[in-house]
């Protein structure tokens, strides 16, 4: 006789057995506890694993490509930024040239009033051999005017001298911006 046949009469007796109220409550509580357990879902676990692998692969490729790293850290075209500065009795200018993309140039300039009586507006012209910037602006509270320009034409050269002219309240000053080393 098999073991299964031996248990059949026992199970028959258990079916007809009456459970106490406390046993019914305990059984129901156990069933609810088992149903309420959160099991990890396969799809989110798989997605997070794939994401982790993708990030690791990107970092390895990025770190191994030193030219790419140098390109990003230096402003875009593998060249350092060029900084030109100059000042006069009442004005100082910082003119920064960077290369965000190959064959592309970005210029950020800041004109600062260093004199005594702060003018309300200023007219300026900053010109180099590759072009320049000009305008009429109101000074900010920190005595500055700033601006940007971008182009993919002629580029500012390392040894270039840039002419600056500033006019305000019937006065005018001109001076050269030279490259900081």
C-alpha atoms as a PDB file:
ATOM      1  CA  UNK A   1       0.000   0.000   0.000  1.00  0.00           C
ATOM      2  CA  UNK A   2       1.366   3.394  -0.943  1.00  0.00           C
ATOM      3  CA  UNK A   3       1.901   6.204   1.472  1.00  0.00           C
ATOM      4  CA  UNK A   4      -0.734   8.314  -0.286  1.00  0.00           C
ATOM      5  CA  UNK A   5      -3.399   5.690   0.353  1.00  0.00           C
ATOM      6  CA  UNK A   6      -2.487   5.643   4.065  1.00  0.00           C
ATOM      7  CA  UNK A   7      -3.102   9.374   4.416  1.00  0.00           C
ATOM      8  CA  UNK A   8      -6.461   9.432   2.666  1.00  0.00           C
ATOM      9  CA  UNK A   9      -8.464   8.260   5.721  1.00  0.00           C
ATOM     10  CA  UNK A  10      -6.628  10.809   7.881  1.00  0.00           C
ATOM     11  CA  UNK A  11      -7.527  13.672   5.527  1.00  0.00           C
ATOM     12  CA  UNK A  12     -11.130  12.482   5.442  1.00  0.00           C
ATOM     13  CA  UNK A  13     -11.292  12.754   9.228  1.00  0.00           C
ATOM     14  CA  UNK A  14      -9.691  16.230   9.153  1.00  0.00           C
ATOM     15  CA  UNK A  15     -12.309  17.511   6.689  1.00  0.00           C
ATOM     16  CA  UNK A  16     -15.081  16.803   9.120  1.00  0.00           C
ATOM     17  CA  UNK A  17     -13.213  18.180  12.169  1.00  0.00           C
ATOM     18  CA  UNK A  18     -14.632  21.338  13.685  1.00  0.00           C
ATOM     19  CA  UNK A  19     -12.215  24.250  14.247  1.00  0.00           C
ATOM     20  CA  UNK A  20     -12.476  26.532  17.251  1.00  0.00           C
ATOM     21  CA  UNK A  21     -13.103  30.235  16.710  1.00  0.00           C
ATOM     22  CA  UNK A  22      -9.531  31.093  17.750  1.00  0.00           C
ATOM     23  CA  UNK A  23      -8.109  28.545  15.281  1.00  0.00           C
ATOM     24  CA  UNK A  24     -10.257  30.047  12.511  1.00  0.00           C
ATOM     25  CA  UNK A  25      -9.015  33.574  13.405  1.00  0.00           C
ATOM     26  CA  UNK A  26      -5.385  32.420  13.488  1.00  0.00           C
ATOM     27  CA  UNK A  27      -5.726  30.650  10.139  1.00  0.00           C
ATOM     28  CA  UNK A  28      -7.365  33.717   8.560  1.00  0.00           C
ATOM     29  CA  UNK A  29      -4.655  36.021   9.989  1.00  0.00           C
ATOM     30  CA  UNK A  30      -1.911  33.754   8.588  1.00  0.00           C
ATOM     31  CA  UNK A  31      -3.536  33.751   5.160  1.00  0.00           C
ATOM     32  CA  UNK A  32      -3.877  37.573   5.170  1.00  0.00           C
ATOM     33  CA  UNK A  33      -0.260  37.995   6.326  1.00  0.00           C
ATOM     34  CA  UNK A  34       0.981  35.783   3.477  1.00  0.00           C
ATOM     35  CA  UNK A  35      -1.116  37.666   0.931  1.00  0.00           C
ATOM     36  CA  UNK A  36       0.068  41.074   2.149  1.00  0.00           C
ATOM     37  CA  UNK A  37       3.784  40.276   1.785  1.00  0.00           C
ATOM     38  CA  UNK A  38       5.243  42.268  -1.075  1.00  0.00           C
ATOM     39  CA  UNK A  39       7.212  40.233  -3.470  1.00  0.00           C
ATOM     40  CA  UNK A  40       9.718  41.905  -5.722  1.00  0.00           C
ATOM     41  CA  UNK A  41       8.461  42.236  -9.254  1.00  0.00           C
ATOM     42  CA  UNK A  42      10.649  40.918 -12.012  1.00  0.00           C
ATOM     43  CA  UNK A  43      10.349  43.855 -14.470  1.00  0.00           C
ATOM     44  CA  UNK A  44      11.498  46.688 -12.133  1.00  0.00           C
ATOM     45  CA  UNK A  45      14.405  44.573 -10.897  1.00  0.00           C
ATOM     46  CA  UNK A  46      15.421  43.832 -14.478  1.00  0.00           C
ATOM     47  CA  UNK A  47      15.106  47.501 -15.498  1.00  0.00           C
ATOM     48  CA  UNK A  48      17.261  48.712 -12.606  1.00  0.00           C
ATOM     49  CA  UNK A  49      19.878  46.066 -13.449  1.00  0.00           C
ATOM     50  CA  UNK A  50      19.987  47.133 -17.095  1.00  0.00           C
ATOM     51  CA  UNK A  51      20.265  50.786 -16.046  1.00  0.00           C
ATOM     52  CA  UNK A  52      23.181  50.010 -13.729  1.00  0.00           C
ATOM     53  CA  UNK A  53      25.003  48.115 -16.487  1.00  0.00           C
ATOM     54  CA  UNK A  54      24.402  50.965 -18.969  1.00  0.00           C
ATOM     55  CA  UNK A  55      25.809  53.552 -16.550  1.00  0.00           C
ATOM     56  CA  UNK A  56      28.892  51.432 -15.878  1.00  0.00           C
ATOM     57  CA  UNK A  57      29.514  50.900 -19.607  1.00  0.00           C
ATOM     58  CA  UNK A  58      29.128  54.649 -20.273  1.00  0.00           C
ATOM     59  CA  UNK A  59      31.546  55.565 -17.483  1.00  0.00           C
ATOM     60  CA  UNK A  60      34.139  53.056 -18.679  1.00  0.00           C
ATOM     61  CA  UNK A  61      33.914  54.292 -22.262  1.00  0.00           C
ATOM     62  CA  UNK A  62      33.935  57.931 -21.172  1.00  0.00           C
ATOM     63  CA  UNK A  63      36.933  57.513 -18.862  1.00  0.00           C
ATOM     64  CA  UNK A  64      38.871  55.526 -21.466  1.00  0.00           C
ATOM     65  CA  UNK A  65      38.441  58.184 -24.127  1.00  0.00           C
ATOM     66  CA  UNK A  66      40.830  60.843 -22.838  1.00  0.00           C
ATOM     67  CA  UNK A  67      40.330  63.012 -25.931  1.00  0.00           C
ATOM     68  CA  UNK A  68      36.611  63.255 -25.157  1.00  0.00           C
ATOM     69  CA  UNK A  69      37.360  64.125 -21.524  1.00  0.00           C
ATOM     70  CA  UNK A  70      39.919  66.752 -22.535  1.00  0.00           C
ATOM     71  CA  UNK A  71      37.488  68.193 -25.049  1.00  0.00           C
ATOM     72  CA  UNK A  72      34.733  68.642 -22.481  1.00  0.00           C
ATOM     73  CA  UNK A  73      36.946  69.904 -19.653  1.00  0.00           C
ATOM     74  CA  UNK A  74      38.688  72.503 -21.799  1.00  0.00           C
ATOM     75  CA  UNK A  75      35.663  74.177 -23.299  1.00  0.00           C
ATOM     76  CA  UNK A  76      34.798  72.027 -26.260  1.00  0.00           C
ATOM     77  CA  UNK A  77      37.424  72.069 -28.970  1.00  0.00           C
ATOM     78  CA  UNK A  78      40.423  70.762 -27.098  1.00  0.00           C
ATOM     79  CA  UNK A  79      41.693  74.317 -26.575  1.00  0.00           C
ATOM     80  CA  UNK A  80      41.830  76.278 -23.376  1.00  0.00           C
ATOM     81  CA  UNK A  81      39.827  79.425 -22.994  1.00  0.00           C
ATOM     82  CA  UNK A  82      41.391  82.749 -23.893  1.00  0.00           C
ATOM     83  CA  UNK A  83      40.999  85.549 -21.358  1.00  0.00           C
ATOM     84  CA  UNK A  84      41.620  89.160 -22.373  1.00  0.00           C
ATOM     85  CA  UNK A  85      41.611  92.003 -19.849  1.00  0.00           C
ATOM     86  CA  UNK A  86      42.194  95.718 -19.839  1.00  0.00           C
ATOM     87  CA  UNK A  87      41.341  98.822 -17.869  1.00  0.00           C
ATOM     88  CA  UNK A  88      41.329 102.592 -17.919  1.00  0.00           C
ATOM     89  CA  UNK A  89      40.785 105.225 -15.240  1.00  0.00           C
ATOM     90  CA  UNK A  90      37.066 104.414 -14.854  1.00  0.00           C
ATOM     91  CA  UNK A  91      36.501 101.028 -16.537  1.00  0.00           C
ATOM     92  CA  UNK A  92      37.762  97.457 -16.531  1.00  0.00           C
ATOM     93  CA  UNK A  93      36.818  94.724 -19.019  1.00  0.00           C
ATOM     94  CA  UNK A  94      37.173  90.948 -18.936  1.00  0.00           C
ATOM     95  CA  UNK A  95      36.649  89.265 -22.322  1.00  0.00           C
ATOM     96  CA  UNK A  96      36.577  85.430 -22.208  1.00  0.00           C
ATOM     97  CA  UNK A  97      36.634  83.280 -25.349  1.00  0.00           C
ATOM     98  CA  UNK A  98      35.682  79.571 -25.176  1.00  0.00           C
ATOM     99  CA  UNK A  99      35.001  76.881 -27.752  1.00  0.00           C
ATOM    100  CA  UNK A 100      31.785  74.977 -26.933  1.00  0.00           C
ATOM    101  CA  UNK A 101      31.838  73.011 -30.215  1.00  0.00           C
ATOM    102  CA  UNK A 102      34.306  72.428 -32.997  1.00  0.00           C
ATOM    103  CA  UNK A 103      34.506  75.492 -35.269  1.00  0.00           C
ATOM    104  CA  UNK A 104      32.389  77.459 -32.806  1.00  0.00           C
ATOM    105  CA  UNK A 105      33.386  80.332 -30.551  1.00  0.00           C
ATOM    106  CA  UNK A 106      31.584  81.807 -27.543  1.00  0.00           C
ATOM    107  CA  UNK A 107      32.521  85.156 -26.031  1.00  0.00           C
ATOM    108  CA  UNK A 108      31.431  86.339 -22.594  1.00  0.00           C
ATOM    109  CA  UNK A 109      32.401  89.854 -21.580  1.00  0.00           C
ATOM    110  CA  UNK A 110      31.964  91.886 -18.409  1.00  0.00           C
ATOM    111  CA  UNK A 111      32.445  95.646 -18.263  1.00  0.00           C
ATOM    112  CA  UNK A 112      32.911  97.028 -14.743  1.00  0.00           C
ATOM    113  CA  UNK A 113      32.791 100.684 -13.684  1.00  0.00           C
ATOM    114  CA  UNK A 114      35.685 101.353 -11.276  1.00  0.00           C
ATOM    115  CA  UNK A 115      35.308 105.128 -11.063  1.00  0.00           C
ATOM    116  CA  UNK A 116      33.611 107.311  -8.459  1.00  0.00           C
ATOM    117  CA  UNK A 117      30.228 108.503  -9.754  1.00  0.00           C
ATOM    118  CA  UNK A 118      28.308 105.577 -11.247  1.00  0.00           C
ATOM    119  CA  UNK A 119      26.633 106.438 -14.565  1.00  0.00           C
ATOM    120  CA  UNK A 120      23.145 105.195 -15.311  1.00  0.00           C
ATOM    121  CA  UNK A 121      23.868 103.987 -18.857  1.00  0.00           C
ATOM    122  CA  UNK A 122      26.962 103.195 -20.847  1.00  0.00           C
ATOM    123  CA  UNK A 123      27.657 102.876 -24.573  1.00  0.00           C
ATOM    124  CA  UNK A 124      30.460 100.496 -25.457  1.00  0.00           C
ATOM    125  CA  UNK A 125      32.290  98.968 -28.376  1.00  0.00           C
ATOM    126  CA  UNK A 126      34.696  96.038 -28.067  1.00  0.00           C
ATOM    127  CA  UNK A 127      36.328  95.257 -31.432  1.00  0.00           C
ATOM    128  CA  UNK A 128      38.952  92.750 -32.555  1.00  0.00           C
ATOM    129  CA  UNK A 129      40.088  91.546 -35.965  1.00  0.00           C
ATOM    130  CA  UNK A 130      37.415  88.815 -35.949  1.00  0.00           C
ATOM    131  CA  UNK A 131      34.512  91.097 -34.971  1.00  0.00           C
ATOM    132  CA  UNK A 132      33.226  92.398 -31.706  1.00  0.00           C
ATOM    133  CA  UNK A 133      30.395  93.500 -29.499  1.00  0.00           C
ATOM    134  CA  UNK A 134      28.744  96.841 -28.946  1.00  0.00           C
ATOM    135  CA  UNK A 135      25.677  98.273 -27.300  1.00  0.00           C
ATOM    136  CA  UNK A 136      24.076 100.688 -24.896  1.00  0.00           C
ATOM    137  CA  UNK A 137      23.109  99.270 -21.515  1.00  0.00           C
ATOM    138  CA  UNK A 138      22.099 100.200 -18.001  1.00  0.00           C
ATOM    139  CA  UNK A 139      24.616  99.210 -15.347  1.00  0.00           C
ATOM    140  CA  UNK A 140      23.580  96.523 -12.875  1.00  0.00           C
ATOM    141  CA  UNK A 141      23.646  97.229  -9.134  1.00  0.00           C
ATOM    142  CA  UNK A 142      27.154  95.731  -8.964  1.00  0.00           C
ATOM    143  CA  UNK A 143      28.400  98.390 -11.462  1.00  0.00           C
ATOM    144  CA  UNK A 144      28.683  95.942 -14.366  1.00  0.00           C
ATOM    145  CA  UNK A 145      27.326  95.304 -17.826  1.00  0.00           C
ATOM    146  CA  UNK A 146      27.778  91.886 -19.364  1.00  0.00           C
ATOM    147  CA  UNK A 147      26.956  90.102 -22.568  1.00  0.00           C
ATOM    148  CA  UNK A 148      27.642  87.096 -24.740  1.00  0.00           C
ATOM    149  CA  UNK A 149      28.053  86.373 -28.401  1.00  0.00           C
ATOM    150  CA  UNK A 150      28.569  83.180 -30.384  1.00  0.00           C
ATOM    151  CA  UNK A 151      29.802  82.585 -33.903  1.00  0.00           C
ATOM    152  CA  UNK A 152      31.355  80.055 -36.231  1.00  0.00           C
ATOM    153  CA  UNK A 153      33.200  82.572 -38.376  1.00  0.00           C
ATOM    154  CA  UNK A 154      36.601  84.173 -37.817  1.00  0.00           C
ATOM    155  CA  UNK A 155      38.079  83.417 -34.413  1.00  0.00           C
ATOM    156  CA  UNK A 156      39.826  85.576 -31.838  1.00  0.00           C
ATOM    157  CA  UNK A 157      43.565  84.895 -31.990  1.00  0.00           C
ATOM    158  CA  UNK A 158      45.796  84.284 -28.949  1.00  0.00           C
ATOM    159  CA  UNK A 159      48.079  87.244 -29.685  1.00  0.00           C
ATOM    160  CA  UNK A 160      45.300  89.632 -30.652  1.00  0.00           C
ATOM    161  CA  UNK A 161      44.820  93.025 -29.017  1.00  0.00           C
ATOM    162  CA  UNK A 162      41.183  94.044 -28.695  1.00  0.00           C
ATOM    163  CA  UNK A 163      40.124  97.699 -28.816  1.00  0.00           C
ATOM    164  CA  UNK A 164      37.555  98.914 -26.284  1.00  0.00           C
ATOM    165  CA  UNK A 165      35.782 102.260 -26.258  1.00  0.00           C
ATOM    166  CA  UNK A 166      33.323 103.278 -23.564  1.00  0.00           C
ATOM    167  CA  UNK A 167      31.182 106.425 -23.552  1.00  0.00           C
ATOM    168  CA  UNK A 168      29.056 107.703 -20.667  1.00  0.00           C
ATOM    169  CA  UNK A 169      27.730 111.041 -19.430  1.00  0.00           C
ATOM    170  CA  UNK A 170      29.577 112.969 -22.174  1.00  0.00           C
ATOM    171  CA  UNK A 171      32.893 111.249 -21.399  1.00  0.00           C
ATOM    172  CA  UNK A 172      34.847 108.649 -23.361  1.00  0.00           C
ATOM    173  CA  UNK A 173      37.740 106.284 -22.672  1.00  0.00           C
ATOM    174  CA  UNK A 174      39.532 103.903 -25.047  1.00  0.00           C
ATOM    175  CA  UNK A 175      41.995 101.166 -24.121  1.00  0.00           C
ATOM    176  CA  UNK A 176      43.364  97.804 -25.257  1.00  0.00           C
ATOM    177  CA  UNK A 177      42.502  94.353 -23.946  1.00  0.00           C
ATOM    178  CA  UNK A 178      45.421  91.941 -23.949  1.00  0.00           C
ATOM    179  CA  UNK A 179      45.561  88.225 -23.293  1.00  0.00           C
ATOM    180  CA  UNK A 180      46.276  87.041 -19.774  1.00  0.00           C
ATOM    181  CA  UNK A 181      48.910  84.334 -19.665  1.00  0.00           C
END
